[in-house]
Amino acid sequence: GWLIQNSGTCNWSVGFHLVLIGGNTNFGGDTFAIRLPSAVVLPGVIAEISLHLVAPNKPGTYEARYQMYTNQDIPFGTGMTVAIEVRK
């Protein structure tokens, strides 16, 4: 999971999601619903966001970049990158 601060001016609410926008794997999905720790994350509040990601079976270095979207499918923020190394 990640600790992410809502540094904007709008509340985050149910329906916000992460969409795959780059990288060499999708870790099990192109879109992930964000389960927020409460119904609304107010500006300035730090929220813990967790996803269920699936690592590839084949050894190698994998990376996926995700962009946050509102419940109205509007992208915002700088995005997040997940990178892992799968060893034999």
N, C-alpha and C. Protein backbone atom coordinates (compact mmCIF):
# COMPACT_ATOMS: atom_id res chain seq x y z
N GLY A 1 0.82 -1.20 0.00
CA GLY A 1 0.00 0.00 0.00
C GLY A 1 0.86 1.24 0.00
N TRP A 2 0.18 2.36 -0.15
CA TRP A 2 0.85 3.66 -0.17
C TRP A 2 0.18 4.59 0.82
N LEU A 3 0.95 5.52 1.35
CA LEU A 3 0.41 6.64 2.09
C LEU A 3 0.42 7.82 1.11
N ILE A 4 -0.77 8.34 0.80
CA ILE A 4 -0.89 9.40 -0.19
C ILE A 4 -1.66 10.56 0.42
N GLN A 5 -1.08 11.75 0.29
CA GLN A 5 -1.76 12.94 0.82
C GLN A 5 -2.60 13.59 -0.26
N ASN A 6 -3.81 13.93 0.10
CA ASN A 6 -4.68 14.70 -0.78
C ASN A 6 -4.20 16.15 -0.71
N SER A 7 -3.36 16.53 -1.67
CA SER A 7 -2.79 17.88 -1.66
C SER A 7 -3.60 18.84 -2.52
N GLY A 8 -4.74 18.39 -3.01
CA GLY A 8 -5.60 19.24 -3.83
C GLY A 8 -6.62 19.99 -3.02
N THR A 9 -7.64 20.48 -3.71
CA THR A 9 -8.68 21.27 -3.06
C THR A 9 -10.03 20.55 -3.04
N CYS A 10 -10.10 19.36 -3.66
CA CYS A 10 -11.35 18.59 -3.72
C CYS A 10 -11.26 17.35 -2.84
N ASN A 11 -12.40 16.90 -2.36
CA ASN A 11 -12.47 15.66 -1.58
C ASN A 11 -12.29 14.46 -2.51
N TRP A 12 -11.68 13.41 -2.00
CA TRP A 12 -11.65 12.12 -2.70
C TRP A 12 -12.80 11.30 -2.13
N SER A 13 -13.53 10.62 -3.01
CA SER A 13 -14.69 9.87 -2.53
C SER A 13 -14.79 8.52 -3.22
N VAL A 14 -15.84 7.78 -2.89
CA VAL A 14 -16.09 6.47 -3.47
C VAL A 14 -16.13 6.59 -5.00
N GLY A 15 -15.51 5.65 -5.68
CA GLY A 15 -15.48 5.67 -7.14
C GLY A 15 -14.16 6.15 -7.71
N PHE A 16 -13.29 6.71 -6.88
CA PHE A 16 -11.97 7.10 -7.36
C PHE A 16 -11.21 5.82 -7.68
N HIS A 17 -10.36 5.87 -8.71
CA HIS A 17 -9.69 4.64 -9.15
C HIS A 17 -8.33 4.95 -9.79
N LEU A 18 -7.52 3.91 -9.90
CA LEU A 18 -6.21 3.99 -10.55
C LEU A 18 -6.31 3.29 -11.90
N VAL A 19 -5.72 3.92 -12.93
CA VAL A 19 -5.72 3.36 -14.28
C VAL A 19 -4.28 3.20 -14.74
N LEU A 20 -3.98 2.04 -15.32
CA LEU A 20 -2.65 1.77 -15.86
C LEU A 20 -2.39 2.71 -17.03
N ILE A 21 -1.26 3.45 -16.99
CA ILE A 21 -0.94 4.36 -18.09
C ILE A 21 0.43 4.07 -18.70
N GLY A 22 1.16 3.08 -18.18
CA GLY A 22 2.47 2.77 -18.74
C GLY A 22 3.15 1.64 -17.99
N GLY A 23 4.30 1.24 -18.50
CA GLY A 23 5.08 0.19 -17.88
C GLY A 23 5.08 -1.07 -18.73
N ASN A 24 5.70 -2.13 -18.21
CA ASN A 24 5.82 -3.38 -18.96
C ASN A 24 4.98 -4.52 -18.38
N THR A 25 4.10 -4.23 -17.43
CA THR A 25 3.17 -5.21 -16.88
C THR A 25 1.97 -4.48 -16.30
N ASN A 26 0.90 -5.22 -16.02
CA ASN A 26 -0.26 -4.57 -15.41
C ASN A 26 -0.54 -5.10 -14.00
N PHE A 27 0.29 -6.02 -13.50
CA PHE A 27 0.14 -6.57 -12.14
C PHE A 27 -1.27 -7.08 -11.86
N GLY A 28 -1.93 -7.60 -12.89
CA GLY A 28 -3.22 -8.24 -12.69
C GLY A 28 -4.44 -7.41 -13.03
N GLY A 29 -4.26 -6.21 -13.55
CA GLY A 29 -5.42 -5.40 -13.92
C GLY A 29 -5.05 -4.06 -14.49
N ASP A 30 -5.88 -3.54 -15.39
CA ASP A 30 -5.64 -2.23 -15.98
C ASP A 30 -6.27 -1.11 -15.17
N THR A 31 -7.28 -1.45 -14.37
CA THR A 31 -7.96 -0.46 -13.52
C THR A 31 -8.19 -1.07 -12.15
N PHE A 32 -7.93 -0.28 -11.11
CA PHE A 32 -8.13 -0.73 -9.74
C PHE A 32 -9.00 0.27 -9.00
N ALA A 33 -10.07 -0.20 -8.42
CA ALA A 33 -10.89 0.65 -7.55
C ALA A 33 -10.09 0.94 -6.30
N ILE A 34 -10.15 2.15 -5.84
CA ILE A 34 -9.44 2.53 -4.62
C ILE A 34 -10.41 2.39 -3.45
N ARG A 35 -10.01 1.57 -2.49
CA ARG A 35 -10.80 1.43 -1.27
C ARG A 35 -10.26 2.44 -0.26
N LEU A 36 -10.96 3.53 -0.10
CA LEU A 36 -10.50 4.58 0.79
C LEU A 36 -10.75 4.19 2.24
N PRO A 37 -9.92 4.70 3.16
CA PRO A 37 -10.09 4.35 4.58
C PRO A 37 -11.36 4.92 5.20
N SER A 38 -11.96 5.90 4.54
CA SER A 38 -13.25 6.45 5.00
C SER A 38 -14.03 6.86 3.75
N ALA A 39 -15.27 7.28 3.92
CA ALA A 39 -16.12 7.63 2.78
C ALA A 39 -15.55 8.80 1.98
N VAL A 40 -14.84 9.70 2.66
CA VAL A 40 -14.27 10.89 2.02
C VAL A 40 -12.88 11.16 2.59
N VAL A 41 -11.94 11.50 1.70
CA VAL A 41 -10.61 11.94 2.13
C VAL A 41 -10.54 13.44 1.83
N LEU A 42 -10.49 14.23 2.87
CA LEU A 42 -10.50 15.68 2.75
C LEU A 42 -9.14 16.20 2.29
N PRO A 43 -9.08 17.39 1.68
CA PRO A 43 -7.80 17.99 1.33
C PRO A 43 -6.88 18.09 2.55
N GLY A 44 -5.62 17.76 2.35
CA GLY A 44 -4.63 17.80 3.42
C GLY A 44 -4.49 16.50 4.20
N VAL A 45 -5.46 15.59 4.07
CA VAL A 45 -5.45 14.33 4.82
C VAL A 45 -4.61 13.29 4.09
N ILE A 46 -3.88 12.48 4.86
CA ILE A 46 -3.10 11.38 4.31
C ILE A 46 -3.93 10.11 4.41
N ALA A 47 -4.06 9.43 3.28
CA ALA A 47 -4.84 8.19 3.24
C ALA A 47 -3.93 7.03 2.89
N GLU A 48 -4.21 5.87 3.48
CA GLU A 48 -3.50 4.65 3.10
C GLU A 48 -4.33 3.95 2.03
N ILE A 49 -3.71 3.72 0.87
CA ILE A 49 -4.39 3.08 -0.24
C ILE A 49 -3.68 1.76 -0.53
N SER A 50 -4.44 0.68 -0.58
CA SER A 50 -3.89 -0.65 -0.84
C SER A 50 -4.54 -1.26 -2.07
N LEU A 51 -3.74 -1.98 -2.84
CA LEU A 51 -4.22 -2.70 -4.01
C LEU A 51 -3.76 -4.14 -3.91
N HIS A 52 -4.49 -5.04 -4.53
CA HIS A 52 -4.08 -6.43 -4.63
C HIS A 52 -3.41 -6.59 -6.00
N LEU A 53 -2.08 -6.63 -6.01
CA LEU A 53 -1.31 -6.76 -7.25
C LEU A 53 -0.78 -8.18 -7.37
N VAL A 54 -0.66 -8.66 -8.59
CA VAL A 54 -0.17 -10.01 -8.86
C VAL A 54 1.16 -9.90 -9.63
N ALA A 55 2.23 -10.45 -9.04
CA ALA A 55 3.53 -10.42 -9.69
C ALA A 55 3.59 -11.43 -10.83
N PRO A 56 4.29 -11.10 -11.92
CA PRO A 56 4.48 -12.07 -12.99
C PRO A 56 5.27 -13.28 -12.50
N ASN A 57 5.09 -14.43 -13.15
CA ASN A 57 5.80 -15.65 -12.77
C ASN A 57 7.23 -15.69 -13.30
N LYS A 58 7.47 -15.05 -14.42
CA LYS A 58 8.76 -15.11 -15.09
C LYS A 58 9.75 -14.13 -14.43
N PRO A 59 11.00 -14.58 -14.16
CA PRO A 59 11.99 -13.67 -13.58
C PRO A 59 12.21 -12.45 -14.46
N GLY A 60 12.45 -11.32 -13.83
CA GLY A 60 12.71 -10.08 -14.55
C GLY A 60 12.35 -8.88 -13.70
N THR A 61 12.55 -7.70 -14.27
CA THR A 61 12.21 -6.45 -13.61
C THR A 61 10.94 -5.92 -14.25
N TYR A 62 9.96 -5.58 -13.42
CA TYR A 62 8.66 -5.17 -13.90
C TYR A 62 8.27 -3.82 -13.30
N GLU A 63 7.56 -3.04 -14.09
CA GLU A 63 7.15 -1.72 -13.65
C GLU A 63 5.79 -1.39 -14.25
N ALA A 64 4.96 -0.73 -13.47
CA ALA A 64 3.67 -0.25 -13.95
C ALA A 64 3.46 1.15 -13.39
N ARG A 65 2.92 2.04 -14.23
CA ARG A 65 2.63 3.40 -13.81
C ARG A 65 1.11 3.60 -13.83
N TYR A 66 0.59 4.13 -12.74
CA TYR A 66 -0.84 4.32 -12.57
C TYR A 66 -1.17 5.79 -12.36
N GLN A 67 -2.30 6.19 -12.90
CA GLN A 67 -2.80 7.56 -12.74
C GLN A 67 -4.10 7.50 -11.94
N MET A 68 -4.28 8.41 -11.00
CA MET A 68 -5.53 8.48 -10.25
C MET A 68 -6.58 9.19 -11.09
N TYR A 69 -7.83 8.71 -10.98
CA TYR A 69 -8.98 9.29 -11.67
C TYR A 69 -10.10 9.50 -10.67
N THR A 70 -10.89 10.54 -10.89
CA THR A 70 -12.04 10.80 -10.02
C THR A 70 -13.16 9.83 -10.37
N ASN A 71 -14.24 9.91 -9.63
CA ASN A 71 -15.42 9.08 -9.90
C ASN A 71 -16.15 9.55 -11.16
N GLN A 72 -15.67 10.63 -11.78
CA GLN A 72 -16.22 11.11 -13.05
C GLN A 72 -15.21 10.91 -14.19
N ASP A 73 -14.22 10.02 -13.97
CA ASP A 73 -13.18 9.67 -14.95
C ASP A 73 -12.32 10.85 -15.38
N ILE A 74 -12.01 11.74 -14.45
CA ILE A 74 -11.12 12.87 -14.71
C ILE A 74 -9.77 12.56 -14.07
N PRO A 75 -8.68 12.50 -14.86
CA PRO A 75 -7.37 12.22 -14.28
C PRO A 75 -6.87 13.40 -13.44
N PHE A 76 -6.10 13.08 -12.39
CA PHE A 76 -5.51 14.15 -11.57
C PHE A 76 -4.25 13.62 -10.90
N GLY A 77 -3.43 14.53 -10.41
CA GLY A 77 -2.22 14.16 -9.69
C GLY A 77 -1.08 13.80 -10.62
N THR A 78 0.02 13.36 -10.02
CA THR A 78 1.24 13.07 -10.77
C THR A 78 1.39 11.60 -11.13
N GLY A 79 0.58 10.74 -10.58
CA GLY A 79 0.68 9.31 -10.85
C GLY A 79 1.59 8.60 -9.87
N MET A 80 1.55 7.27 -9.94
CA MET A 80 2.35 6.43 -9.05
C MET A 80 2.99 5.30 -9.86
N THR A 81 4.18 4.90 -9.45
CA THR A 81 4.88 3.82 -10.14
C THR A 81 5.13 2.68 -9.16
N VAL A 82 4.89 1.47 -9.63
CA VAL A 82 5.19 0.25 -8.88
C VAL A 82 6.29 -0.47 -9.64
N ALA A 83 7.37 -0.82 -8.97
CA ALA A 83 8.46 -1.55 -9.61
C ALA A 83 8.90 -2.69 -8.72
N ILE A 84 9.09 -3.87 -9.33
CA ILE A 84 9.55 -5.04 -8.57
C ILE A 84 10.53 -5.83 -9.41
N GLU A 85 11.30 -6.67 -8.72
CA GLU A 85 12.16 -7.64 -9.41
C GLU A 85 11.73 -9.02 -8.98
N VAL A 86 11.40 -9.87 -9.96
CA VAL A 86 11.04 -11.26 -9.70
C VAL A 86 12.29 -12.10 -9.92
N ARG A 87 12.67 -12.85 -8.90
CA ARG A 87 13.86 -13.71 -8.99
C ARG A 87 13.44 -15.15 -9.10
N LYS A 88 14.34 -15.96 -9.63
CA LYS A 88 14.12 -17.39 -9.78
C LYS A 88 13.90 -18.07 -8.46
